[in-house]
Amino acid sequence: MSGPWSYCKKQRWLDTATATRLIRSLLGCFRPQHATPAWTDYQILLAESAEMAWIATEGNAFNHATDRVASIDALRCGTASDGTGAQAAIESSKSGRVRQTAFRADMVMREFFAR
């Protein structure tokens, strides 16, 4: 391993210039890695899974970040009144230990090709 990764592992920190170079080199990992999908293929994927359809258009793109909050219920109530666009529901894991919500993403236009 060489370059910024080995430096970071050894030093446990990066200066701003090195961190900037590293981030720029990693950005390609989050770009679509495939061709534009056909509309019919997208519809088949969408019928099976919204996540699969999303990957067909967005590829490996970064799509969310997480954060811990003291009270998800209070967060949800606050975002309902301030117009930030949080989901209406709070999702729970089977055990109930993990509870989460999300903010709606901005709508984007995507191109498809016809077969």
PDB file of N, CA and C in Angstrom:
ATOM      1  N   MET A   1       0.856  -1.169   0.000  1.00  0.00           N
ATOM      2  CA  MET A   1       0.000   0.000   0.000  1.00  0.00           C
ATOM      3  C   MET A   1       0.902   1.232   0.000  1.00  0.00           C
ATOM      4  N   SER A   2       0.598   2.165  -0.893  1.00  0.00           N
ATOM      5  CA  SER A   2       1.434   3.362  -0.962  1.00  0.00           C
ATOM      6  C   SER A   2       0.563   4.592  -1.083  1.00  0.00           C
ATOM      7  N   GLY A   3       1.194   5.741  -1.112  1.00  0.00           N
ATOM      8  CA  GLY A   3       0.472   6.991  -1.262  1.00  0.00           C
ATOM      9  C   GLY A   3      -0.247   7.407   0.014  1.00  0.00           C
ATOM     10  N   PRO A   4      -1.352   8.155  -0.135  1.00  0.00           N
ATOM     11  CA  PRO A   4      -2.072   8.694   1.031  1.00  0.00           C
ATOM     12  C   PRO A   4      -2.527   7.630   2.022  1.00  0.00           C
ATOM     13  N   TRP A   5      -2.925   6.435   1.512  1.00  0.00           N
ATOM     14  CA  TRP A   5      -3.403   5.392   2.425  1.00  0.00           C
ATOM     15  C   TRP A   5      -2.318   4.971   3.410  1.00  0.00           C
ATOM     16  N   SER A   6      -1.118   4.698   2.921  1.00  0.00           N
ATOM     17  CA  SER A   6      -0.050   4.259   3.827  1.00  0.00           C
ATOM     18  C   SER A   6       0.360   5.389   4.759  1.00  0.00           C
ATOM     19  N   TYR A   7       0.361   6.610   4.254  1.00  0.00           N
ATOM     20  CA  TYR A   7       0.688   7.763   5.090  1.00  0.00           C
ATOM     21  C   TYR A   7      -0.330   7.896   6.214  1.00  0.00           C
ATOM     22  N   CYS A   8      -1.615   7.774   5.870  1.00  0.00           N
ATOM     23  CA  CYS A   8      -2.682   7.892   6.864  1.00  0.00           C
ATOM     24  C   CYS A   8      -2.570   6.779   7.899  1.00  0.00           C
ATOM     25  N   LYS A   9      -2.309   5.569   7.450  1.00  0.00           N
ATOM     26  CA  LYS A   9      -2.189   4.436   8.369  1.00  0.00           C
ATOM     27  C   LYS A   9      -1.029   4.652   9.346  1.00  0.00           C
ATOM     28  N   LYS A  10       0.057   5.182   8.846  1.00  0.00           N
ATOM     29  CA  LYS A  10       1.234   5.416   9.684  1.00  0.00           C
ATOM     30  C   LYS A  10       1.031   6.616  10.610  1.00  0.00           C
ATOM     31  N   GLN A  11       0.557   7.734  10.078  1.00  0.00           N
ATOM     32  CA  GLN A  11       0.436   8.976  10.838  1.00  0.00           C
ATOM     33  C   GLN A  11      -0.898   9.104  11.581  1.00  0.00           C
ATOM     34  N   ARG A  12      -1.930   8.429  11.078  1.00  0.00           N
ATOM     35  CA  ARG A  12      -3.291   8.484  11.606  1.00  0.00           C
ATOM     36  C   ARG A  12      -3.960   9.842  11.392  1.00  0.00           C
ATOM     37  N   TRP A  13      -3.485  10.603  10.433  1.00  0.00           N
ATOM     38  CA  TRP A  13      -4.116  11.854  10.044  1.00  0.00           C
ATOM     39  C   TRP A  13      -3.572  12.246   8.681  1.00  0.00           C
ATOM     40  N   LEU A  14      -4.271  13.138   8.005  1.00  0.00           N
ATOM     41  CA  LEU A  14      -3.828  13.651   6.711  1.00  0.00           C
ATOM     42  C   LEU A  14      -3.894  15.166   6.723  1.00  0.00           C
ATOM     43  N   ASP A  15      -2.918  15.789   6.100  1.00  0.00           N
ATOM     44  CA  ASP A  15      -2.995  17.235   5.939  1.00  0.00           C
ATOM     45  C   ASP A  15      -4.050  17.527   4.870  1.00  0.00           C
ATOM     46  N   THR A  16      -4.475  18.757   4.786  1.00  0.00           N
ATOM     47  CA  THR A  16      -5.572  19.125   3.899  1.00  0.00           C
ATOM     48  C   THR A  16      -5.265  18.808   2.439  1.00  0.00           C
ATOM     49  N   ALA A  17      -4.080  19.092   1.982  1.00  0.00           N
ATOM     50  CA  ALA A  17      -3.734  18.845   0.574  1.00  0.00           C
ATOM     51  C   ALA A  17      -3.781  17.351   0.257  1.00  0.00           C
ATOM     52  N   THR A  18      -3.244  16.520   1.140  1.00  0.00           N
ATOM     53  CA  THR A  18      -3.250  15.075   0.919  1.00  0.00           C
ATOM     54  C   THR A  18      -4.671  14.532   0.994  1.00  0.00           C
ATOM     55  N   ALA A  19      -5.453  15.006   1.963  1.00  0.00           N
ATOM     56  CA  ALA A  19      -6.845  14.569   2.087  1.00  0.00           C
ATOM     57  C   ALA A  19      -7.639  14.942   0.842  1.00  0.00           C
ATOM     58  N   THR A  20      -7.394  16.120   0.306  1.00  0.00           N
ATOM     59  CA  THR A  20      -8.085  16.562  -0.908  1.00  0.00           C
ATOM     60  C   THR A  20      -7.738  15.651  -2.077  1.00  0.00           C
ATOM     61  N   ARG A  21      -6.463  15.309  -2.248  1.00  0.00           N
ATOM     62  CA  ARG A  21      -6.051  14.394  -3.324  1.00  0.00           C
ATOM     63  C   ARG A  21      -6.708  13.027  -3.139  1.00  0.00           C
ATOM     64  N   LEU A  22      -6.757  12.543  -1.914  1.00  0.00           N
ATOM     65  CA  LEU A  22      -7.349  11.239  -1.634  1.00  0.00           C
ATOM     66  C   LEU A  22      -8.840  11.238  -1.961  1.00  0.00           C
ATOM     67  N   ILE A  23      -9.553  12.246  -1.521  1.00  0.00           N
ATOM     68  CA  ILE A  23     -10.990  12.319  -1.789  1.00  0.00           C
ATOM     69  C   ILE A  23     -11.255  12.401  -3.283  1.00  0.00           C
ATOM     70  N   ARG A  24     -10.486  13.199  -3.987  1.00  0.00           N
ATOM     71  CA  ARG A  24     -10.669  13.302  -5.443  1.00  0.00           C
ATOM     72  C   ARG A  24     -10.429  11.959  -6.124  1.00  0.00           C
ATOM     73  N   SER A  25      -9.458  11.193  -5.642  1.00  0.00           N
ATOM     74  CA  SER A  25      -9.187   9.889  -6.255  1.00  0.00           C
ATOM     75  C   SER A  25     -10.285   8.881  -5.944  1.00  0.00           C
ATOM     76  N   LEU A  26     -10.979   9.060  -4.826  1.00  0.00           N
ATOM     77  CA  LEU A  26     -12.048   8.131  -4.451  1.00  0.00           C
ATOM     78  C   LEU A  26     -13.385   8.441  -5.111  1.00  0.00           C
ATOM     79  N   LEU A  27     -13.568   9.661  -5.606  1.00  0.00           N
ATOM     80  CA  LEU A  27     -14.855  10.053  -6.175  1.00  0.00           C
ATOM     81  C   LEU A  27     -15.309   9.139  -7.308  1.00  0.00           C
ATOM     82  N   GLY A  28     -14.378   8.636  -8.080  1.00  0.00           N
ATOM     83  CA  GLY A  28     -14.734   7.744  -9.177  1.00  0.00           C
ATOM     84  C   GLY A  28     -15.433   6.479  -8.720  1.00  0.00           C
ATOM     85  N   CYS A  29     -15.217   6.074  -7.490  1.00  0.00           N
ATOM     86  CA  CYS A  29     -15.880   4.883  -6.956  1.00  0.00           C
ATOM     87  C   CYS A  29     -17.381   5.077  -6.838  1.00  0.00           C
ATOM     88  N   PHE A  30     -17.831   6.311  -6.799  1.00  0.00           N
ATOM     89  CA  PHE A  30     -19.234   6.601  -6.563  1.00  0.00           C
ATOM     90  C   PHE A  30     -19.969   7.086  -7.809  1.00  0.00           C
ATOM     91  N   ARG A  31     -19.331   6.976  -8.950  1.00  0.00           N
ATOM     92  CA  ARG A  31     -19.994   7.322 -10.208  1.00  0.00           C
ATOM     93  C   ARG A  31     -20.628   6.055 -10.785  1.00  0.00           C
ATOM     94  N   PRO A  32     -21.659   6.210 -11.626  1.00  0.00           N
ATOM     95  CA  PRO A  32     -22.217   5.017 -12.266  1.00  0.00           C
ATOM     96  C   PRO A  32     -21.123   4.247 -12.996  1.00  0.00           C
ATOM     97  N   GLN A  33     -21.151   2.942 -12.872  1.00  0.00           N
ATOM     98  CA  GLN A  33     -20.130   2.088 -13.472  1.00  0.00           C
ATOM     99  C   GLN A  33     -20.703   1.305 -14.655  1.00  0.00           C
ATOM    100  N   HIS A  34     -21.828   1.761 -15.183  1.00  0.00           N
ATOM    101  CA  HIS A  34     -22.500   1.028 -16.248  1.00  0.00           C
ATOM    102  C   HIS A  34     -23.167   2.010 -17.205  1.00  0.00           C
ATOM    103  N   ALA A  35     -23.640   1.467 -18.308  1.00  0.00           N
ATOM    104  CA  ALA A  35     -24.294   2.293 -19.326  1.00  0.00           C
ATOM    105  C   ALA A  35     -25.693   2.717 -18.873  1.00  0.00           C
ATOM    106  N   THR A  36     -26.251   3.694 -19.571  1.00  0.00           N
ATOM    107  CA  THR A  36     -27.617   4.139 -19.310  1.00  0.00           C
ATOM    108  C   THR A  36     -28.572   2.965 -19.532  1.00  0.00           C
ATOM    109  N   PRO A  37     -29.473   2.704 -18.579  1.00  0.00           N
ATOM    110  CA  PRO A  37     -30.369   1.556 -18.737  1.00  0.00           C
ATOM    111  C   PRO A  37     -31.518   1.821 -19.709  1.00  0.00           C
ATOM    112  N   ALA A  38     -32.073   0.747 -20.227  1.00  0.00           N
ATOM    113  CA  ALA A  38     -33.279   0.849 -21.052  1.00  0.00           C
ATOM    114  C   ALA A  38     -34.468   1.039 -20.119  1.00  0.00           C
ATOM    115  N   TRP A  39     -35.468   1.799 -20.599  1.00  0.00           N
ATOM    116  CA  TRP A  39     -36.667   2.050 -19.810  1.00  0.00           C
ATOM    117  C   TRP A  39     -37.346   0.730 -19.432  1.00  0.00           C
ATOM    118  N   THR A  40     -37.427  -0.201 -20.358  1.00  0.00           N
ATOM    119  CA  THR A  40     -38.086  -1.484 -20.066  1.00  0.00           C
ATOM    120  C   THR A  40     -37.327  -2.254 -18.987  1.00  0.00           C
ATOM    121  N   ASP A  41     -36.004  -2.239 -19.036  1.00  0.00           N
ATOM    122  CA  ASP A  41     -35.215  -2.912 -17.998  1.00  0.00           C
ATOM    123  C   ASP A  41     -35.426  -2.252 -16.640  1.00  0.00           C
ATOM    124  N   TYR A  42     -35.464  -0.929 -16.641  1.00  0.00           N
ATOM    125  CA  TYR A  42     -35.701  -0.191 -15.397  1.00  0.00           C
ATOM    126  C   TYR A  42     -37.054  -0.581 -14.792  1.00  0.00           C
ATOM    127  N   GLN A  43     -38.086  -0.668 -15.630  1.00  0.00           N
ATOM    128  CA  GLN A  43     -39.414  -1.028 -15.143  1.00  0.00           C
ATOM    129  C   GLN A  43     -39.441  -2.443 -14.559  1.00  0.00           C
ATOM    130  N   ILE A  44     -38.718  -3.364 -15.162  1.00  0.00           N
ATOM    131  CA  ILE A  44     -38.625  -4.734 -14.632  1.00  0.00           C
ATOM    132  C   ILE A  44     -37.964  -4.707 -13.259  1.00  0.00           C
ATOM    133  N   LEU A  45     -36.871  -3.975 -13.146  1.00  0.00           N
ATOM    134  CA  LEU A  45     -36.180  -3.873 -11.856  1.00  0.00           C
ATOM    135  C   LEU A  45     -37.054  -3.194 -10.810  1.00  0.00           C
ATOM    136  N   LEU A  46     -37.739  -2.131 -11.195  1.00  0.00           N
ATOM    137  CA  LEU A  46     -38.586  -1.400 -10.265  1.00  0.00           C
ATOM    138  C   LEU A  46     -39.709  -2.278  -9.719  1.00  0.00           C
ATOM    139  N   ALA A  47     -40.266  -3.134 -10.570  1.00  0.00           N
ATOM    140  CA  ALA A  47     -41.332  -4.032 -10.119  1.00  0.00           C
ATOM    141  C   ALA A  47     -40.808  -5.018  -9.071  1.00  0.00           C
ATOM    142  N   GLU A  48     -39.530  -5.338  -9.150  1.00  0.00           N
ATOM    143  CA  GLU A  48     -38.925  -6.278  -8.203  1.00  0.00           C
ATOM    144  C   GLU A  48     -38.424  -5.579  -6.946  1.00  0.00           C
ATOM    145  N   SER A  49     -37.778  -4.422  -7.130  1.00  0.00           N
ATOM    146  CA  SER A  49     -37.151  -3.757  -5.993  1.00  0.00           C
ATOM    147  C   SER A  49     -36.829  -2.305  -6.342  1.00  0.00           C
ATOM    148  N   ALA A  50     -37.288  -1.377  -5.507  1.00  0.00           N
ATOM    149  CA  ALA A  50     -36.963   0.040  -5.711  1.00  0.00           C
ATOM    150  C   ALA A  50     -35.455   0.259  -5.617  1.00  0.00           C
ATOM    151  N   GLU A  51     -34.798  -0.490  -4.741  1.00  0.00           N
ATOM    152  CA  GLU A  51     -33.344  -0.341  -4.590  1.00  0.00           C
ATOM    153  C   GLU A  51     -32.603  -0.777  -5.851  1.00  0.00           C
ATOM    154  N   MET A  52     -33.051  -1.895  -6.458  1.00  0.00           N
ATOM    155  CA  MET A  52     -32.396  -2.351  -7.693  1.00  0.00           C
ATOM    156  C   MET A  52     -32.584  -1.334  -8.809  1.00  0.00           C
ATOM    157  N   ALA A  53     -33.778  -0.756  -8.899  1.00  0.00           N
ATOM    158  CA  ALA A  53     -34.029   0.257  -9.926  1.00  0.00           C
ATOM    159  C   ALA A  53     -33.162   1.489  -9.688  1.00  0.00           C
ATOM    160  N   TRP A  54     -33.018   1.871  -8.424  1.00  0.00           N
ATOM    161  CA  TRP A  54     -32.181   3.033  -8.088  1.00  0.00           C
ATOM    162  C   TRP A  54     -30.736   2.781  -8.515  1.00  0.00           C
ATOM    163  N   ILE A  55     -30.235   1.597  -8.233  1.00  0.00           N
ATOM    164  CA  ILE A  55     -28.855   1.267  -8.615  1.00  0.00           C
ATOM    165  C   ILE A  55     -28.693   1.282 -10.132  1.00  0.00           C
ATOM    166  N   ALA A  56     -29.734   0.885 -10.862  1.00  0.00           N
ATOM    167  CA  ALA A  56     -29.666   0.900 -12.325  1.00  0.00           C
ATOM    168  C   ALA A  56     -29.452   2.307 -12.869  1.00  0.00           C
ATOM    169  N   THR A  57     -29.987   3.318 -12.189  1.00  0.00           N
ATOM    170  CA  THR A  57     -29.820   4.689 -12.675  1.00  0.00           C
ATOM    171  C   THR A  57     -28.658   5.412 -12.003  1.00  0.00           C
ATOM    172  N   GLU A  58     -28.410   5.127 -10.749  1.00  0.00           N
ATOM    173  CA  GLU A  58     -27.413   5.883  -9.994  1.00  0.00           C
ATOM    174  C   GLU A  58     -26.084   5.160  -9.817  1.00  0.00           C
ATOM    175  N   GLY A  59     -26.061   3.864 -10.014  1.00  0.00           N
ATOM    176  CA  GLY A  59     -24.819   3.126  -9.839  1.00  0.00           C
ATOM    177  C   GLY A  59     -24.400   3.095  -8.387  1.00  0.00           C
ATOM    178  N   ASN A  60     -23.126   3.299  -8.149  1.00  0.00           N
ATOM    179  CA  ASN A  60     -22.556   3.237  -6.808  1.00  0.00           C
ATOM    180  C   ASN A  60     -22.601   4.572  -6.083  1.00  0.00           C
ATOM    181  N   ALA A  61     -23.382   5.506  -6.585  1.00  0.00           N
ATOM    182  CA  ALA A  61     -23.384   6.856  -6.024  1.00  0.00           C
ATOM    183  C   ALA A  61     -23.723   6.864  -4.539  1.00  0.00           C
ATOM    184  N   PHE A  62     -23.073   7.742  -3.830  1.00  0.00           N
ATOM    185  CA  PHE A  62     -23.355   7.943  -2.414  1.00  0.00           C
ATOM    186  C   PHE A  62     -24.812   8.349  -2.287  1.00  0.00           C
ATOM    187  N   ASN A  63     -25.552   7.689  -1.413  1.00  0.00           N
ATOM    188  CA  ASN A  63     -26.972   8.031  -1.338  1.00  0.00           C
ATOM    189  C   ASN A  63     -27.481   8.336   0.053  1.00  0.00           C
ATOM    190  N   HIS A  64     -26.692   8.123   1.087  1.00  0.00           N
ATOM    191  CA  HIS A  64     -27.182   8.507   2.402  1.00  0.00           C
ATOM    192  C   HIS A  64     -26.066   8.514   3.441  1.00  0.00           C
ATOM    193  N   ALA A  65     -26.338   9.212   4.497  1.00  0.00           N
ATOM    194  CA  ALA A  65     -25.454   9.234   5.653  1.00  0.00           C
ATOM    195  C   ALA A  65     -26.325   9.032   6.883  1.00  0.00           C
ATOM    196  N   THR A  66     -25.729   8.571   7.942  1.00  0.00           N
ATOM    197  CA  THR A  66     -26.512   8.331   9.155  1.00  0.00           C
ATOM    198  C   THR A  66     -25.978   9.174  10.304  1.00  0.00           C
ATOM    199  N   ASP A  67     -26.818   9.361  11.278  1.00  0.00           N
ATOM    200  CA  ASP A  67     -26.447  10.109  12.462  1.00  0.00           C
ATOM    201  C   ASP A  67     -27.252   9.562  13.625  1.00  0.00           C
ATOM    202  N   ARG A  68     -26.701   9.620  14.800  1.00  0.00           N
ATOM    203  CA  ARG A  68     -27.436   9.222  15.999  1.00  0.00           C
ATOM    204  C   ARG A  68     -28.058  10.471  16.609  1.00  0.00           C
ATOM    205  N   VAL A  69     -29.277  10.314  17.094  1.00  0.00           N
ATOM    206  CA  VAL A  69     -29.963  11.417  17.748  1.00  0.00           C
ATOM    207  C   VAL A  69     -30.513  10.923  19.083  1.00  0.00           C
ATOM    208  N   ALA A  70     -30.683  11.838  20.012  1.00  0.00           N
ATOM    209  CA  ALA A  70     -31.182  11.466  21.345  1.00  0.00           C
ATOM    210  C   ALA A  70     -32.608  10.927  21.270  1.00  0.00           C
ATOM    211  N   SER A  71     -33.433  11.531  20.413  1.00  0.00           N
ATOM    212  CA  SER A  71     -34.828  11.098  20.301  1.00  0.00           C
ATOM    213  C   SER A  71     -35.288  11.214  18.853  1.00  0.00           C
ATOM    214  N   ILE A  72     -35.471  10.074  18.207  1.00  0.00           N
ATOM    215  CA  ILE A  72     -35.939  10.100  16.820  1.00  0.00           C
ATOM    216  C   ILE A  72     -37.365  10.634  16.738  1.00  0.00           C
ATOM    217  N   ASP A  73     -38.153  10.398  17.781  1.00  0.00           N
ATOM    218  CA  ASP A  73     -39.519  10.923  17.802  1.00  0.00           C
ATOM    219  C   ASP A  73     -39.515  12.448  17.818  1.00  0.00           C
ATOM    220  N   ALA A  74     -38.649  13.041  18.626  1.00  0.00           N
ATOM    221  CA  ALA A  74     -38.548  14.504  18.676  1.00  0.00           C
ATOM    222  C   ALA A  74     -38.033  15.049  17.346  1.00  0.00           C
ATOM    223  N   LEU A  75     -37.053  14.365  16.746  1.00  0.00           N
ATOM    224  CA  LEU A  75     -36.535  14.783  15.447  1.00  0.00           C
ATOM    225  C   LEU A  75     -37.654  14.760  14.413  1.00  0.00           C
ATOM    226  N   ARG A  76     -38.407  13.685  14.379  1.00  0.00           N
ATOM    227  CA  ARG A  76     -39.494  13.539  13.416  1.00  0.00           C
ATOM    228  C   ARG A  76     -40.545  14.633  13.601  1.00  0.00           C
ATOM    229  N   CYS A  77     -40.916  14.912  14.836  1.00  0.00           N
ATOM    230  CA  CYS A  77     -41.897  15.979  15.097  1.00  0.00           C
ATOM    231  C   CYS A  77     -41.366  17.332  14.653  1.00  0.00           C
ATOM    232  N   GLY A  78     -40.093  17.585  14.903  1.00  0.00           N
ATOM    233  CA  GLY A  78     -39.486  18.858  14.513  1.00  0.00           C
ATOM    234  C   GLY A  78     -39.422  19.040  13.012  1.00  0.00           C
ATOM    235  N   THR A  79     -39.085  17.988  12.293  1.00  0.00           N
ATOM    236  CA  THR A  79     -38.984  18.113  10.835  1.00  0.00           C
ATOM    237  C   THR A  79     -40.351  18.153  10.177  1.00  0.00           C
ATOM    238  N   ALA A  80     -41.353  17.608  10.836  1.00  0.00           N
ATOM    239  CA  ALA A  80     -42.712  17.675  10.279  1.00  0.00           C
ATOM    240  C   ALA A  80     -43.197  19.118  10.231  1.00  0.00           C
ATOM    241  N   SER A  81     -42.780  19.910  11.207  1.00  0.00           N
ATOM    242  CA  SER A  81     -43.252  21.293  11.263  1.00  0.00           C
ATOM    243  C   SER A  81     -42.349  22.281  10.536  1.00  0.00           C
ATOM    244  N   ASP A  82     -41.109  21.903  10.275  1.00  0.00           N
ATOM    245  CA  ASP A  82     -40.212  22.885   9.638  1.00  0.00           C
ATOM    246  C   ASP A  82     -40.075  22.709   8.128  1.00  0.00           C
ATOM    247  N   GLY A  83     -40.758  21.706   7.555  1.00  0.00           N
ATOM    248  CA  GLY A  83     -40.780  21.555   6.101  1.00  0.00           C
ATOM    249  C   GLY A  83     -39.530  20.969   5.489  1.00  0.00           C
ATOM    250  N   THR A  84     -38.692  20.285   6.253  1.00  0.00           N
ATOM    251  CA  THR A  84     -37.463  19.727   5.685  1.00  0.00           C
ATOM    252  C   THR A  84     -37.678  18.427   4.934  1.00  0.00           C
ATOM    253  N   GLY A  85     -38.870  17.860   5.002  1.00  0.00           N
ATOM    254  CA  GLY A  85     -39.182  16.728   4.149  1.00  0.00           C
ATOM    255  C   GLY A  85     -38.823  15.360   4.682  1.00  0.00           C
ATOM    256  N   ALA A  86     -38.871  15.139   5.976  1.00  0.00           N
ATOM    257  CA  ALA A  86     -38.601  13.807   6.508  1.00  0.00           C
ATOM    258  C   ALA A  86     -39.753  12.876   6.162  1.00  0.00           C
ATOM    259  N   GLN A  87     -39.439  11.591   6.077  1.00  0.00           N
ATOM    260  CA  GLN A  87     -40.475  10.581   5.856  1.00  0.00           C
ATOM    261  C   GLN A  87     -41.563  10.719   6.913  1.00  0.00           C
ATOM    262  N   ALA A  88     -42.761  10.307   6.564  1.00  0.00           N
ATOM    263  CA  ALA A  88     -43.861  10.353   7.522  1.00  0.00           C
ATOM    264  C   ALA A  88     -43.710   9.284   8.599  1.00  0.00           C
ATOM    265  N   ALA A  89     -43.101   8.161   8.253  1.00  0.00           N
ATOM    266  CA  ALA A  89     -43.023   7.028   9.183  1.00  0.00           C
ATOM    267  C   ALA A  89     -41.626   6.877   9.781  1.00  0.00           C
ATOM    268  N   ILE A  90     -41.586   6.301  10.955  1.00  0.00           N
ATOM    269  CA  ILE A  90     -40.328   5.868  11.571  1.00  0.00           C
ATOM    270  C   ILE A  90     -40.269   4.361  11.382  1.00  0.00           C
ATOM    271  N   GLU A  91     -39.216   3.876  10.751  1.00  0.00           N
ATOM    272  CA  GLU A  91     -39.048   2.448  10.512  1.00  0.00           C
ATOM    273  C   GLU A  91     -38.355   1.815  11.707  1.00  0.00           C
ATOM    274  N   SER A  92     -38.706   0.561  11.987  1.00  0.00           N
ATOM    275  CA  SER A  92     -38.093  -0.166  13.103  1.00  0.00           C
ATOM    276  C   SER A  92     -37.582  -1.515  12.634  1.00  0.00           C
ATOM    277  N   SER A  93     -36.471  -1.949  13.218  1.00  0.00           N
ATOM    278  CA  SER A  93     -35.967  -3.293  12.951  1.00  0.00           C
ATOM    279  C   SER A  93     -36.885  -4.306  13.630  1.00  0.00           C
ATOM    280  N   LYS A  94     -36.725  -5.582  13.283  1.00  0.00           N
ATOM    281  CA  LYS A  94     -37.564  -6.617  13.889  1.00  0.00           C
ATOM    282  C   LYS A  94     -37.466  -6.613  15.407  1.00  0.00           C
ATOM    283  N   SER A  95     -36.270  -6.374  15.926  1.00  0.00           N
ATOM    284  CA  SER A  95     -36.083  -6.379  17.380  1.00  0.00           C
ATOM    285  C   SER A  95     -36.575  -5.089  18.030  1.00  0.00           C
ATOM    286  N   GLY A  96     -36.731  -4.027  17.226  1.00  0.00           N
ATOM    287  CA  GLY A  96     -37.147  -2.738  17.763  1.00  0.00           C
ATOM    288  C   GLY A  96     -35.991  -1.908  18.313  1.00  0.00           C
ATOM    289  N   ARG A  97     -34.790  -2.458  18.273  1.00  0.00           N
ATOM    290  CA  ARG A  97     -33.622  -1.739  18.804  1.00  0.00           C
ATOM    291  C   ARG A  97     -33.159  -0.633  17.869  1.00  0.00           C
ATOM    292  N   VAL A  98     -33.395  -0.814  16.582  1.00  0.00           N
ATOM    293  CA  VAL A  98     -32.982   0.189  15.605  1.00  0.00           C
ATOM    294  C   VAL A  98     -34.229   0.852  15.045  1.00  0.00           C
ATOM    295  N   ARG A  99     -34.285   2.157  15.176  1.00  0.00           N
ATOM    296  CA  ARG A  99     -35.374   2.957  14.622  1.00  0.00           C
ATOM    297  C   ARG A  99     -34.763   4.024  13.738  1.00  0.00           C
ATOM    298  N   GLN A 100     -35.373   4.253  12.590  1.00  0.00           N
ATOM    299  CA  GLN A 100     -34.788   5.214  11.667  1.00  0.00           C
ATOM    300  C   GLN A 100     -35.857   5.911  10.855  1.00  0.00           C
ATOM    301  N   THR A 101     -35.462   7.067  10.345  1.00  0.00           N
ATOM    302  CA  THR A 101     -36.276   7.795   9.388  1.00  0.00           C
ATOM    303  C   THR A 101     -35.307   8.368   8.363  1.00  0.00           C
ATOM    304  N   ALA A 102     -35.808   9.046   7.381  1.00  0.00           N
ATOM    305  CA  ALA A 102     -34.953   9.596   6.332  1.00  0.00           C
ATOM    306  C   ALA A 102     -35.569  10.875   5.796  1.00  0.00           C
ATOM    307  N   PHE A 103     -34.754  11.657   5.139  1.00  0.00           N
ATOM    308  CA  PHE A 103     -35.217  12.854   4.466  1.00  0.00           C
ATOM    309  C   PHE A 103     -35.341  12.543   2.985  1.00  0.00           C
ATOM    310  N   ARG A 104     -36.380  13.049   2.368  1.00  0.00           N
ATOM    311  CA  ARG A 104     -36.573  12.813   0.942  1.00  0.00           C
ATOM    312  C   ARG A 104     -35.479  13.536   0.156  1.00  0.00           C
ATOM    313  N   ALA A 105     -34.992  12.839  -0.841  1.00  0.00           N
ATOM    314  CA  ALA A 105     -33.963  13.411  -1.706  1.00  0.00           C
ATOM    315  C   ALA A 105     -34.597  14.364  -2.719  1.00  0.00           C
ATOM    316  N   ASP A 106     -33.795  15.227  -3.264  1.00  0.00           N
ATOM    317  CA  ASP A 106     -34.251  16.083  -4.350  1.00  0.00           C
ATOM    318  C   ASP A 106     -34.589  15.210  -5.555  1.00  0.00           C
ATOM    319  N   MET A 107     -35.623  15.576  -6.270  1.00  0.00           N
ATOM    320  CA  MET A 107     -35.998  14.856  -7.483  1.00  0.00           C
ATOM    321  C   MET A 107     -35.003  15.210  -8.585  1.00  0.00           C
ATOM    322  N   VAL A 108     -34.639  14.219  -9.370  1.00  0.00           N
ATOM    323  CA  VAL A 108     -33.722  14.430 -10.490  1.00  0.00           C
ATOM    324  C   VAL A 108     -34.308  13.781 -11.740  1.00  0.00           C
ATOM    325  N   MET A 109     -33.901  14.257 -12.880  1.00  0.00           N
ATOM    326  CA  MET A 109     -34.304  13.666 -14.158  1.00  0.00           C
ATOM    327  C   MET A 109     -33.208  12.707 -14.599  1.00  0.00           C
ATOM    328  N   ARG A 110     -33.599  11.536 -15.082  1.00  0.00           N
ATOM    329  CA  ARG A 110     -32.644  10.557 -15.580  1.00  0.00           C
ATOM    330  C   ARG A 110     -33.018  10.180 -17.007  1.00  0.00           C
ATOM    331  N   GLU A 111     -32.014   9.893 -17.786  1.00  0.00           N
ATOM    332  CA  GLU A 111     -32.241   9.467 -19.175  1.00  0.00           C
ATOM    333  C   GLU A 111     -32.287   7.950 -19.242  1.00  0.00           C
ATOM    334  N   PHE A 112     -33.099   7.445 -20.150  1.00  0.00           N
ATOM    335  CA  PHE A 112     -33.183   6.024 -20.453  1.00  0.00           C
ATOM    336  C   PHE A 112     -33.144   5.893 -21.959  1.00  0.00           C
ATOM    337  N   PHE A 113     -32.786   4.739 -22.444  1.00  0.00           N
ATOM    338  CA  PHE A 113     -32.880   4.544 -23.891  1.00  0.00           C
ATOM    339  C   PHE A 113     -33.987   3.536 -24.175  1.00  0.00           C
ATOM    340  N   ALA A 114     -34.569   3.649 -25.348  1.00  0.00           N
ATOM    341  CA  ALA A 114     -35.654   2.764 -25.739  1.00  0.00           C
ATOM    342  C   ALA A 114     -35.063   1.594 -26.516  1.00  0.00           C
ATOM    343  N   ARG A 115     -35.688   0.444 -26.363  1.00  0.00           N
ATOM    344  CA  ARG A 115     -35.230  -0.735 -27.131  1.00  0.00           C
ATOM    345  C   ARG A 115     -36.060  -0.891 -28.355  1.00  0.00           C
TER     346      ARG A 115
END
